[in-house]
């Protein structure tokens, strides 16, 4: 590790912790774990309602549901940029709103 620091300083790269770097590190470390824990807590509070709605769900299936929500959010967040790049941001947002509205109407 000392060789890496020496090689960076010998190239002329300054060893400076900027405010932007500290904010980026803080957001990456605190923000991701905070959101994961918050979403897991929100799902854990709805366990009773989900068990009643699905007529006595087992503990294994309930743990799969709760752990699947953050994983689905991860894949949704990663794919949103690709979909917006392919179809355009406005079209992607309008199709999401239209599809979610249609899904809510079907579920009534």
PDB file of N, CA and C in Angstrom:
ATOM      1  N   UNK A   1       0.831  -1.189   0.000  1.00  0.00           N
ATOM      2  CA  UNK A   1       0.000   0.000   0.000  1.00  0.00           C
ATOM      3  C   UNK A   1       0.875   1.253   0.000  1.00  0.00           C
ATOM      4  N   UNK A   2       2.030   1.197   0.691  1.00  0.00           N
ATOM      5  CA  UNK A   2       2.931   2.345   0.683  1.00  0.00           C
ATOM      6  C   UNK A   2       3.477   2.606  -0.710  1.00  0.00           C
ATOM      7  N   UNK A   3       3.706   1.525  -1.486  1.00  0.00           N
ATOM      8  CA  UNK A   3       4.207   1.694  -2.850  1.00  0.00           C
ATOM      9  C   UNK A   3       3.166   2.402  -3.717  1.00  0.00           C
ATOM     10  N   UNK A   4       1.887   2.088  -3.496  1.00  0.00           N
ATOM     11  CA  UNK A   4       0.825   2.740  -4.270  1.00  0.00           C
ATOM     12  C   UNK A   4       0.765   4.222  -3.946  1.00  0.00           C
ATOM     13  N   UNK A   5       0.832   4.566  -2.661  1.00  0.00           N
ATOM     14  CA  UNK A   5       0.801   5.975  -2.274  1.00  0.00           C
ATOM     15  C   UNK A   5       2.024   6.700  -2.803  1.00  0.00           C
ATOM     16  N   UNK A   6       3.179   6.055  -2.737  1.00  0.00           N
ATOM     17  CA  UNK A   6       4.402   6.666  -3.262  1.00  0.00           C
ATOM     18  C   UNK A   6       4.306   6.849  -4.768  1.00  0.00           C
ATOM     19  N   UNK A   7       3.756   5.838  -5.471  1.00  0.00           N
ATOM     20  CA  UNK A   7       3.676   5.963  -6.917  1.00  0.00           C
ATOM     21  C   UNK A   7       2.684   7.047  -7.320  1.00  0.00           C
ATOM     22  N   UNK A   8       1.593   7.203  -6.559  1.00  0.00           N
ATOM     23  CA  UNK A   8       0.650   8.269  -6.881  1.00  0.00           C
ATOM     24  C   UNK A   8       1.257   9.638  -6.638  1.00  0.00           C
ATOM     25  N   UNK A   9       2.000   9.767  -5.561  1.00  0.00           N
ATOM     26  CA  UNK A   9       2.590  11.073  -5.284  1.00  0.00           C
ATOM     27  C   UNK A   9       3.745  11.373  -6.236  1.00  0.00           C
ATOM     28  N   UNK A  10       4.409  10.333  -6.724  1.00  0.00           N
ATOM     29  CA  UNK A  10       5.503  10.581  -7.650  1.00  0.00           C
ATOM     30  C   UNK A  10       4.991  10.979  -9.031  1.00  0.00           C
ATOM     31  N   UNK A  11       3.767  10.592  -9.379  1.00  0.00           N
ATOM     32  CA  UNK A  11       3.191  10.970 -10.658  1.00  0.00           C
ATOM     33  C   UNK A  11       2.721  12.417 -10.612  1.00  0.00           C
ATOM     34  N   UNK A  12       2.538  12.940  -9.445  1.00  0.00           N
ATOM     35  CA  UNK A  12       2.090  14.311  -9.317  1.00  0.00           C
ATOM     36  C   UNK A  12       0.640  14.403  -8.882  1.00  0.00           C
ATOM     37  N   UNK A  13       0.059  13.292  -8.479  1.00  0.00           N
ATOM     38  CA  UNK A  13      -1.320  13.276  -7.997  1.00  0.00           C
ATOM     39  C   UNK A  13      -1.328  13.725  -6.536  1.00  0.00           C
ATOM     40  N   UNK A  14      -2.074  14.761  -6.194  1.00  0.00           N
ATOM     41  CA  UNK A  14      -2.111  15.178  -4.789  1.00  0.00           C
ATOM     42  C   UNK A  14      -2.957  14.214  -3.957  1.00  0.00           C
ATOM     43  N   UNK A  15      -2.572  14.027  -2.692  1.00  0.00           N
ATOM     44  CA  UNK A  15      -3.326  13.190  -1.767  1.00  0.00           C
ATOM     45  C   UNK A  15      -4.243  14.109  -0.946  1.00  0.00           C
ATOM     46  N   UNK A  16      -5.384  14.483  -1.519  1.00  0.00           N
ATOM     47  CA  UNK A  16      -6.266  15.446  -0.882  1.00  0.00           C
ATOM     48  C   UNK A  16      -7.661  14.842  -0.763  1.00  0.00           C
ATOM     49  N   UNK A  17      -8.248  14.994   0.412  1.00  0.00           N
ATOM     50  CA  UNK A  17      -9.644  14.601   0.619  1.00  0.00           C
ATOM     51  C   UNK A  17     -10.500  15.838   0.397  1.00  0.00           C
ATOM     52  N   UNK A  18     -11.149  15.913  -0.745  1.00  0.00           N
ATOM     53  CA  UNK A  18     -11.979  17.074  -1.051  1.00  0.00           C
ATOM     54  C   UNK A  18     -13.360  16.903  -0.435  1.00  0.00           C
ATOM     55  N   UNK A  19     -14.094  17.985  -0.368  1.00  0.00           N
ATOM     56  CA  UNK A  19     -15.449  17.955   0.178  1.00  0.00           C
ATOM     57  C   UNK A  19     -16.355  17.085  -0.692  1.00  0.00           C
ATOM     58  N   UNK A  20     -16.185  17.158  -2.001  1.00  0.00           N
ATOM     59  CA  UNK A  20     -16.988  16.349  -2.918  1.00  0.00           C
ATOM     60  C   UNK A  20     -16.731  14.864  -2.708  1.00  0.00           C
ATOM     61  N   UNK A  21     -15.479  14.510  -2.506  1.00  0.00           N
ATOM     62  CA  UNK A  21     -15.145  13.110  -2.258  1.00  0.00           C
ATOM     63  C   UNK A  21     -15.751  12.618  -0.957  1.00  0.00           C
ATOM     64  N   UNK A  22     -15.698  13.422   0.088  1.00  0.00           N
ATOM     65  CA  UNK A  22     -16.276  13.029   1.373  1.00  0.00           C
ATOM     66  C   UNK A  22     -17.789  12.887   1.294  1.00  0.00           C
ATOM     67  N   UNK A  23     -18.444  13.777   0.573  1.00  0.00           N
ATOM     68  CA  UNK A  23     -19.896  13.675   0.402  1.00  0.00           C
ATOM     69  C   UNK A  23     -20.247  12.412  -0.385  1.00  0.00           C
ATOM     70  N   UNK A  24     -19.504  12.116  -1.434  1.00  0.00           N
ATOM     71  CA  UNK A  24     -19.770  10.919  -2.228  1.00  0.00           C
ATOM     72  C   UNK A  24     -19.590   9.649  -1.406  1.00  0.00           C
ATOM     73  N   UNK A  25     -18.545   9.605  -0.598  1.00  0.00           N
ATOM     74  CA  UNK A  25     -18.324   8.438   0.255  1.00  0.00           C
ATOM     75  C   UNK A  25     -19.431   8.313   1.289  1.00  0.00           C
ATOM     76  N   UNK A  26     -19.837   9.429   1.889  1.00  0.00           N
ATOM     77  CA  UNK A  26     -20.906   9.404   2.892  1.00  0.00           C
ATOM     78  C   UNK A  26     -22.220   8.932   2.300  1.00  0.00           C
ATOM     79  N   UNK A  27     -22.558   9.415   1.125  1.00  0.00           N
ATOM     80  CA  UNK A  27     -23.804   9.002   0.482  1.00  0.00           C
ATOM     81  C   UNK A  27     -23.771   7.520   0.137  1.00  0.00           C
ATOM     82  N   UNK A  28     -22.634   7.054  -0.347  1.00  0.00           N
ATOM     83  CA  UNK A  28     -22.532   5.641  -0.722  1.00  0.00           C
ATOM     84  C   UNK A  28     -22.597   4.719   0.486  1.00  0.00           C
ATOM     85  N   UNK A  29     -21.947   5.093   1.562  1.00  0.00           N
ATOM     86  CA  UNK A  29     -21.890   4.216   2.735  1.00  0.00           C
ATOM     87  C   UNK A  29     -23.155   4.311   3.573  1.00  0.00           C
ATOM     88  N   UNK A  30     -23.542   5.520   3.939  1.00  0.00           N
ATOM     89  CA  UNK A  30     -24.684   5.700   4.838  1.00  0.00           C
ATOM     90  C   UNK A  30     -26.006   5.565   4.088  1.00  0.00           C
ATOM     91  N   UNK A  31     -26.097   6.148   2.926  1.00  0.00           N
ATOM     92  CA  UNK A  31     -27.368   6.159   2.195  1.00  0.00           C
ATOM     93  C   UNK A  31     -27.853   4.787   1.781  1.00  0.00           C
ATOM     94  N   UNK A  32     -26.961   3.946   1.294  1.00  0.00           N
ATOM     95  CA  UNK A  32     -27.402   2.641   0.810  1.00  0.00           C
ATOM     96  C   UNK A  32     -27.839   1.740   1.953  1.00  0.00           C
ATOM     97  N   UNK A  33     -27.073   1.691   3.029  1.00  0.00           N
ATOM     98  CA  UNK A  33     -27.453   0.823   4.145  1.00  0.00           C
ATOM     99  C   UNK A  33     -28.665   1.375   4.871  1.00  0.00           C
ATOM    100  N   UNK A  34     -28.792   2.691   4.953  1.00  0.00           N
ATOM    101  CA  UNK A  34     -29.954   3.284   5.605  1.00  0.00           C
ATOM    102  C   UNK A  34     -31.223   2.957   4.834  1.00  0.00           C
ATOM    103  N   UNK A  35     -31.187   3.088   3.521  1.00  0.00           N
ATOM    104  CA  UNK A  35     -32.367   2.779   2.718  1.00  0.00           C
ATOM    105  C   UNK A  35     -32.708   1.298   2.771  1.00  0.00           C
ATOM    106  N   UNK A  36     -31.713   0.435   2.755  1.00  0.00           N
ATOM    107  CA  UNK A  36     -31.968  -0.999   2.830  1.00  0.00           C
ATOM    108  C   UNK A  36     -32.639  -1.353   4.148  1.00  0.00           C
ATOM    109  N   UNK A  37     -32.121  -0.827   5.248  1.00  0.00           N
ATOM    110  CA  UNK A  37     -32.705  -1.101   6.554  1.00  0.00           C
ATOM    111  C   UNK A  37     -34.087  -0.512   6.707  1.00  0.00           C
ATOM    112  N   UNK A  38     -34.292   0.694   6.180  1.00  0.00           N
ATOM    113  CA  UNK A  38     -35.605   1.333   6.275  1.00  0.00           C
ATOM    114  C   UNK A  38     -36.655   0.554   5.495  1.00  0.00           C
ATOM    115  N   UNK A  39     -36.313   0.141   4.280  1.00  0.00           N
ATOM    116  CA  UNK A  39     -37.277  -0.604   3.465  1.00  0.00           C
ATOM    117  C   UNK A  39     -37.571  -1.977   4.065  1.00  0.00           C
ATOM    118  N   UNK A  40     -36.564  -2.616   4.632  1.00  0.00           N
ATOM    119  CA  UNK A  40     -36.794  -3.901   5.290  1.00  0.00           C
ATOM    120  C   UNK A  40     -37.692  -3.714   6.503  1.00  0.00           C
ATOM    121  N   UNK A  41     -37.493  -2.632   7.249  1.00  0.00           N
ATOM    122  CA  UNK A  41     -38.352  -2.342   8.395  1.00  0.00           C
ATOM    123  C   UNK A  41     -39.781  -2.049   7.985  1.00  0.00           C
ATOM    124  N   UNK A  42     -39.949  -1.328   6.884  1.00  0.00           N
ATOM    125  CA  UNK A  42     -41.310  -1.046   6.398  1.00  0.00           C
ATOM    126  C   UNK A  42     -42.015  -2.328   5.977  1.00  0.00           C
ATOM    127  N   UNK A  43     -41.301  -3.219   5.328  1.00  0.00           N
ATOM    128  CA  UNK A  43     -41.913  -4.489   4.930  1.00  0.00           C
ATOM    129  C   UNK A  43     -42.199  -5.361   6.148  1.00  0.00           C
ATOM    130  N   UNK A  44     -41.338  -5.299   7.155  1.00  0.00           N
ATOM    131  CA  UNK A  44     -41.547  -6.119   8.343  1.00  0.00           C
ATOM    132  C   UNK A  44     -42.809  -5.676   9.084  1.00  0.00           C
ATOM    133  N   UNK A  45     -43.142  -4.393   9.025  1.00  0.00           N
ATOM    134  CA  UNK A  45     -44.349  -3.904   9.693  1.00  0.00           C
ATOM    135  C   UNK A  45     -45.616  -4.358   8.994  1.00  0.00           C
ATOM    136  N   UNK A  46     -45.542  -4.719   7.755  1.00  0.00           N
ATOM    137  CA  UNK A  46     -46.731  -5.136   7.014  1.00  0.00           C
ATOM    138  C   UNK A  46     -46.905  -6.647   6.976  1.00  0.00           C
ATOM    139  N   UNK A  47     -46.126  -7.369   7.751  1.00  0.00           N
ATOM    140  CA  UNK A  47     -46.206  -8.824   7.722  1.00  0.00           C
ATOM    141  C   UNK A  47     -47.590  -9.333   8.102  1.00  0.00           C
ATOM    142  N   UNK A  48     -48.199  -8.739   9.103  1.00  0.00           N
ATOM    143  CA  UNK A  48     -49.530  -9.196   9.515  1.00  0.00           C
ATOM    144  C   UNK A  48     -50.554  -9.039   8.411  1.00  0.00           C
ATOM    145  N   UNK A  49     -50.525  -7.904   7.731  1.00  0.00           N
ATOM    146  CA  UNK A  49     -51.463  -7.663   6.635  1.00  0.00           C
ATOM    147  C   UNK A  49     -51.215  -8.621   5.480  1.00  0.00           C
ATOM    148  N   UNK A  50     -49.948  -8.852   5.149  1.00  0.00           N
ATOM    149  CA  UNK A  50     -49.636  -9.785   4.065  1.00  0.00           C
ATOM    150  C   UNK A  50     -50.045 -11.214   4.414  1.00  0.00           C
ATOM    151  N   UNK A  51     -49.833 -11.613   5.660  1.00  0.00           N
ATOM    152  CA  UNK A  51     -50.231 -12.964   6.078  1.00  0.00           C
ATOM    153  C   UNK A  51     -51.744 -13.140   6.004  1.00  0.00           C
ATOM    154  N   UNK A  52     -52.495 -12.104   6.400  1.00  0.00           N
ATOM    155  CA  UNK A  52     -53.954 -12.186   6.321  1.00  0.00           C
ATOM    156  C   UNK A  52     -54.433 -12.208   4.877  1.00  0.00           C
ATOM    157  N   UNK A  53     -53.814 -11.388   4.035  1.00  0.00           N
ATOM    158  CA  UNK A  53     -54.244 -11.295   2.644  1.00  0.00           C
ATOM    159  C   UNK A  53     -53.952 -12.585   1.876  1.00  0.00           C
ATOM    160  N   UNK A  54     -52.798 -13.194   2.137  1.00  0.00           N
ATOM    161  CA  UNK A  54     -52.424 -14.409   1.417  1.00  0.00           C
ATOM    162  C   UNK A  54     -52.746 -15.685   2.192  1.00  0.00           C
ATOM    163  N   UNK A  55     -53.609 -15.592   3.190  1.00  0.00           N
ATOM    164  CA  UNK A  55     -54.108 -16.742   3.955  1.00  0.00           C
ATOM    165  C   UNK A  55     -53.011 -17.585   4.593  1.00  0.00           C
ATOM    166  N   UNK A  56     -52.293 -16.984   5.518  1.00  0.00           N
ATOM    167  CA  UNK A  56     -51.314 -17.734   6.300  1.00  0.00           C
ATOM    168  C   UNK A  56     -50.060 -18.102   5.545  1.00  0.00           C
ATOM    169  N   UNK A  57     -49.269 -17.131   5.189  1.00  0.00           N
ATOM    170  CA  UNK A  57     -48.012 -17.366   4.472  1.00  0.00           C
ATOM    171  C   UNK A  57     -46.975 -17.918   5.449  1.00  0.00           C
ATOM    172  N   UNK A  58     -46.150 -18.855   4.998  1.00  0.00           N
ATOM    173  CA  UNK A  58     -45.108 -19.420   5.862  1.00  0.00           C
ATOM    174  C   UNK A  58     -43.996 -18.401   6.111  1.00  0.00           C
ATOM    175  N   UNK A  59     -43.182 -18.673   7.122  1.00  0.00           N
ATOM    176  CA  UNK A  59     -42.077 -17.765   7.452  1.00  0.00           C
ATOM    177  C   UNK A  59     -41.030 -17.713   6.342  1.00  0.00           C
ATOM    178  N   UNK A  60     -40.806 -18.833   5.689  1.00  0.00           N
ATOM    179  CA  UNK A  60     -39.817 -18.864   4.601  1.00  0.00           C
ATOM    180  C   UNK A  60     -40.264 -17.995   3.440  1.00  0.00           C
ATOM    181  N   UNK A  61     -41.532 -18.109   3.056  1.00  0.00           N
ATOM    182  CA  UNK A  61     -42.040 -17.306   1.946  1.00  0.00           C
ATOM    183  C   UNK A  61     -42.077 -15.829   2.315  1.00  0.00           C
ATOM    184  N   UNK A  62     -42.400 -15.517   3.569  1.00  0.00           N
ATOM    185  CA  UNK A  62     -42.420 -14.125   4.007  1.00  0.00           C
ATOM    186  C   UNK A  62     -41.013 -13.532   3.974  1.00  0.00           C
ATOM    187  N   UNK A  63     -40.003 -14.306   4.353  1.00  0.00           N
ATOM    188  CA  UNK A  63     -38.632 -13.796   4.293  1.00  0.00           C
ATOM    189  C   UNK A  63     -38.190 -13.579   2.852  1.00  0.00           C
ATOM    190  N   UNK A  64     -38.651 -14.412   1.929  1.00  0.00           N
ATOM    191  CA  UNK A  64     -38.348 -14.197   0.513  1.00  0.00           C
ATOM    192  C   UNK A  64     -38.997 -12.920  -0.008  1.00  0.00           C
ATOM    193  N   UNK A  65     -40.232 -12.658   0.422  1.00  0.00           N
ATOM    194  CA  UNK A  65     -40.919 -11.432  -0.003  1.00  0.00           C
ATOM    195  C   UNK A  65     -40.176 -10.208   0.523  1.00  0.00           C
ATOM    196  N   UNK A  66     -39.823 -10.217   1.802  1.00  0.00           N
ATOM    197  CA  UNK A  66     -39.173  -9.056   2.407  1.00  0.00           C
ATOM    198  C   UNK A  66     -37.783  -8.824   1.812  1.00  0.00           C
ATOM    199  N   UNK A  67     -37.027  -9.883   1.572  1.00  0.00           N
ATOM    200  CA  UNK A  67     -35.700  -9.691   0.993  1.00  0.00           C
ATOM    201  C   UNK A  67     -35.762  -9.395  -0.497  1.00  0.00           C
ATOM    202  N   UNK A  68     -36.847  -9.716  -1.148  1.00  0.00           N
ATOM    203  CA  UNK A  68     -36.979  -9.455  -2.575  1.00  0.00           C
ATOM    204  C   UNK A  68     -37.269  -8.011  -2.913  1.00  0.00           C
ATOM    205  N   UNK A  69     -37.840  -7.262  -1.976  1.00  0.00           N
ATOM    206  CA  UNK A  69     -38.180  -5.863  -2.255  1.00  0.00           C
ATOM    207  C   UNK A  69     -36.935  -5.016  -2.518  1.00  0.00           C
ATOM    208  N   UNK A  70     -35.906  -5.028  -1.671  1.00  0.00           N
ATOM    209  CA  UNK A  70     -34.718  -4.237  -1.987  1.00  0.00           C
ATOM    210  C   UNK A  70     -33.979  -4.732  -3.233  1.00  0.00           C
ATOM    211  N   UNK A  71     -34.003  -6.035  -3.465  1.00  0.00           N
ATOM    212  CA  UNK A  71     -33.342  -6.568  -4.659  1.00  0.00           C
ATOM    213  C   UNK A  71     -34.080  -6.109  -5.916  1.00  0.00           C
ATOM    214  N   UNK A  72     -35.409  -6.101  -5.860  1.00  0.00           N
ATOM    215  CA  UNK A  72     -36.190  -5.581  -6.985  1.00  0.00           C
ATOM    216  C   UNK A  72     -35.947  -4.102  -7.212  1.00  0.00           C
ATOM    217  N   UNK A  73     -35.796  -3.355  -6.122  1.00  0.00           N
ATOM    218  CA  UNK A  73     -35.468  -1.939  -6.247  1.00  0.00           C
ATOM    219  C   UNK A  73     -34.105  -1.720  -6.870  1.00  0.00           C
ATOM    220  N   UNK A  74     -33.158  -2.582  -6.552  1.00  0.00           N
ATOM    221  CA  UNK A  74     -31.824  -2.493  -7.136  1.00  0.00           C
ATOM    222  C   UNK A  74     -31.877  -2.711  -8.642  1.00  0.00           C
ATOM    223  N   UNK A  75     -32.546  -3.790  -9.068  1.00  0.00           N
ATOM    224  CA  UNK A  75     -32.635  -4.056 -10.502  1.00  0.00           C
ATOM    225  C   UNK A  75     -33.474  -2.998 -11.226  1.00  0.00           C
ATOM    226  N   UNK A  76     -34.514  -2.504 -10.570  1.00  0.00           N
ATOM    227  CA  UNK A  76     -35.311  -1.439 -11.174  1.00  0.00           C
ATOM    228  C   UNK A  76     -34.510  -0.161 -11.356  1.00  0.00           C
ATOM    229  N   UNK A  77     -33.703   0.175 -10.349  1.00  0.00           N
ATOM    230  CA  UNK A  77     -32.872   1.369 -10.447  1.00  0.00           C
ATOM    231  C   UNK A  77     -31.791   1.241 -11.504  1.00  0.00           C
ATOM    232  N   UNK A  78     -31.209   0.048 -11.612  1.00  0.00           N
ATOM    233  CA  UNK A  78     -30.172  -0.157 -12.621  1.00  0.00           C
ATOM    234  C   UNK A  78     -30.746  -0.159 -14.039  1.00  0.00           C
ATOM    235  N   UNK A  79     -31.944  -0.685 -14.204  1.00  0.00           N
ATOM    236  CA  UNK A  79     -32.521  -0.762 -15.545  1.00  0.00           C
ATOM    237  C   UNK A  79     -33.212   0.531 -15.966  1.00  0.00           C
ATOM    238  N   UNK A  80     -33.496   1.421 -15.035  1.00  0.00           N
ATOM    239  CA  UNK A  80     -34.204   2.664 -15.392  1.00  0.00           C
ATOM    240  C   UNK A  80     -33.387   3.517 -16.355  1.00  0.00           C
ATOM    241  N   UNK A  81     -32.086   3.609 -16.137  1.00  0.00           N
ATOM    242  CA  UNK A  81     -31.244   4.390 -17.037  1.00  0.00           C
ATOM    243  C   UNK A  81     -31.164   3.793 -18.429  1.00  0.00           C
ATOM    244  N   UNK A  82     -31.144   2.469 -18.509  1.00  0.00           N
ATOM    245  CA  UNK A  82     -31.089   1.804 -19.811  1.00  0.00           C
ATOM    246  C   UNK A  82     -32.394   2.027 -20.576  1.00  0.00           C
ATOM    247  N   UNK A  83     -33.515   1.866 -19.884  1.00  0.00           N
ATOM    248  CA  UNK A  83     -34.819   2.064 -20.536  1.00  0.00           C
ATOM    249  C   UNK A  83     -34.991   3.508 -20.961  1.00  0.00           C
ATOM    250  N   UNK A  84     -34.596   4.455 -20.096  1.00  0.00           N
ATOM    251  CA  UNK A  84     -34.695   5.868 -20.458  1.00  0.00           C
ATOM    252  C   UNK A  84     -33.780   6.209 -21.621  1.00  0.00           C
ATOM    253  N   UNK A  85     -32.624   5.563 -21.696  1.00  0.00           N
ATOM    254  CA  UNK A  85     -31.712   5.797 -22.816  1.00  0.00           C
ATOM    255  C   UNK A  85     -32.242   5.241 -24.121  1.00  0.00           C
ATOM    256  N   UNK A  86     -32.945   4.105 -24.050  1.00  0.00           N
ATOM    257  CA  UNK A  86     -33.464   3.486 -25.273  1.00  0.00           C
ATOM    258  C   UNK A  86     -34.709   4.199 -25.796  1.00  0.00           C
ATOM    259  N   UNK A  87     -35.631   4.521 -24.894  1.00  0.00           N
ATOM    260  CA  UNK A  87     -36.923   5.062 -25.318  1.00  0.00           C
ATOM    261  C   UNK A  87     -37.098   6.543 -25.037  1.00  0.00           C
ATOM    262  N   UNK A  88     -36.189   7.154 -24.336  1.00  0.00           N
ATOM    263  CA  UNK A  88     -36.325   8.544 -23.949  1.00  0.00           C
ATOM    264  C   UNK A  88     -36.945   8.638 -22.567  1.00  0.00           C
ATOM    265  N   UNK A  89     -36.536   9.645 -21.811  1.00  0.00           N
ATOM    266  CA  UNK A  89     -36.973   9.755 -20.428  1.00  0.00           C
ATOM    267  C   UNK A  89     -38.476   9.999 -20.324  1.00  0.00           C
ATOM    268  N   UNK A  90     -39.011  10.895 -21.143  1.00  0.00           N
ATOM    269  CA  UNK A  90     -40.436  11.207 -21.062  1.00  0.00           C
ATOM    270  C   UNK A  90     -41.296   9.996 -21.408  1.00  0.00           C
ATOM    271  N   UNK A  91     -40.935   9.263 -22.436  1.00  0.00           N
ATOM    272  CA  UNK A  91     -41.703   8.077 -22.825  1.00  0.00           C
ATOM    273  C   UNK A  91     -41.621   6.997 -21.741  1.00  0.00           C
ATOM    274  N   UNK A  92     -40.452   6.831 -21.130  1.00  0.00           N
ATOM    275  CA  UNK A  92     -40.293   5.821 -20.080  1.00  0.00           C
ATOM    276  C   UNK A  92     -41.140   6.166 -18.862  1.00  0.00           C
ATOM    277  N   UNK A  93     -41.159   7.437 -18.471  1.00  0.00           N
ATOM    278  CA  UNK A  93     -41.963   7.851 -17.315  1.00  0.00           C
ATOM    279  C   UNK A  93     -43.448   7.716 -17.620  1.00  0.00           C
ATOM    280  N   UNK A  94     -43.873   8.151 -18.809  1.00  0.00           N
ATOM    281  CA  UNK A  94     -45.296   8.041 -19.170  1.00  0.00           C
ATOM    282  C   UNK A  94     -45.748   6.596 -19.248  1.00  0.00           C
ATOM    283  N   UNK A  95     -44.913   5.704 -19.773  1.00  0.00           N
ATOM    284  CA  UNK A  95     -45.305   4.301 -19.852  1.00  0.00           C
ATOM    285  C   UNK A  95     -45.354   3.673 -18.471  1.00  0.00           C
ATOM    286  N   UNK A  96     -44.460   4.090 -17.558  1.00  0.00           N
ATOM    287  CA  UNK A  96     -44.511   3.580 -16.191  1.00  0.00           C
ATOM    288  C   UNK A  96     -45.794   4.019 -15.501  1.00  0.00           C
ATOM    289  N   UNK A  97     -46.162   5.291 -15.651  1.00  0.00           N
ATOM    290  CA  UNK A  97     -47.390   5.794 -15.023  1.00  0.00           C
ATOM    291  C   UNK A  97     -48.600   5.093 -15.623  1.00  0.00           C
ATOM    292  N   UNK A  98     -48.619   4.935 -16.945  1.00  0.00           N
ATOM    293  CA  UNK A  98     -49.748   4.276 -17.603  1.00  0.00           C
ATOM    294  C   UNK A  98     -49.859   2.817 -17.160  1.00  0.00           C
ATOM    295  N   UNK A  99     -48.734   2.110 -17.140  1.00  0.00           N
ATOM    296  CA  UNK A  99     -48.758   0.698 -16.756  1.00  0.00           C
ATOM    297  C   UNK A  99     -49.149   0.511 -15.302  1.00  0.00           C
ATOM    298  N   UNK A 100     -48.660   1.375 -14.407  1.00  0.00           N
ATOM    299  CA  UNK A 100     -49.027   1.229 -12.999  1.00  0.00           C
ATOM    300  C   UNK A 100     -50.494   1.574 -12.788  1.00  0.00           C
ATOM    301  N   UNK A 101     -51.025   2.538 -13.544  1.00  0.00           N
ATOM    302  CA  UNK A 101     -52.445   2.880 -13.438  1.00  0.00           C
ATOM    303  C   UNK A 101     -53.315   1.731 -13.935  1.00  0.00           C
ATOM    304  N   UNK A 102     -52.940   1.119 -15.055  1.00  0.00           N
ATOM    305  CA  UNK A 102     -53.676  -0.017 -15.593  1.00  0.00           C
ATOM    306  C   UNK A 102     -53.627  -1.196 -14.624  1.00  0.00           C
ATOM    307  N   UNK A 103     -52.470  -1.441 -14.016  1.00  0.00           N
ATOM    308  CA  UNK A 103     -52.338  -2.517 -13.040  1.00  0.00           C
ATOM    309  C   UNK A 103     -53.224  -2.281 -11.834  1.00  0.00           C
ATOM    310  N   UNK A 104     -53.314  -1.032 -11.376  1.00  0.00           N
ATOM    311  CA  UNK A 104     -54.191  -0.736 -10.240  1.00  0.00           C
ATOM    312  C   UNK A 104     -55.649  -0.933 -10.600  1.00  0.00           C
ATOM    313  N   UNK A 105     -56.027  -0.585 -11.822  1.00  0.00           N
ATOM    314  CA  UNK A 105     -57.412  -0.809 -12.255  1.00  0.00           C
ATOM    315  C   UNK A 105     -57.736  -2.300 -12.357  1.00  0.00           C
ATOM    316  N   UNK A 106     -56.788  -3.082 -12.823  1.00  0.00           N
ATOM    317  CA  UNK A 106     -57.014  -4.532 -12.951  1.00  0.00           C
ATOM    318  C   UNK A 106     -57.160  -5.164 -11.572  1.00  0.00           C
ATOM    319  N   UNK A 107     -56.378  -4.686 -10.587  1.00  0.00           N
ATOM    320  CA  UNK A 107     -56.413  -5.269  -9.257  1.00  0.00           C
ATOM    321  C   UNK A 107     -57.642  -4.889  -8.447  1.00  0.00           C
ATOM    322  N   UNK A 108     -58.398  -3.894  -8.908  1.00  0.00           N
ATOM    323  CA  UNK A 108     -59.617  -3.528  -8.170  1.00  0.00           C
ATOM    324  C   UNK A 108     -60.575  -4.646  -8.306  1.00  0.00           C
TER     325      UNK A 108
END
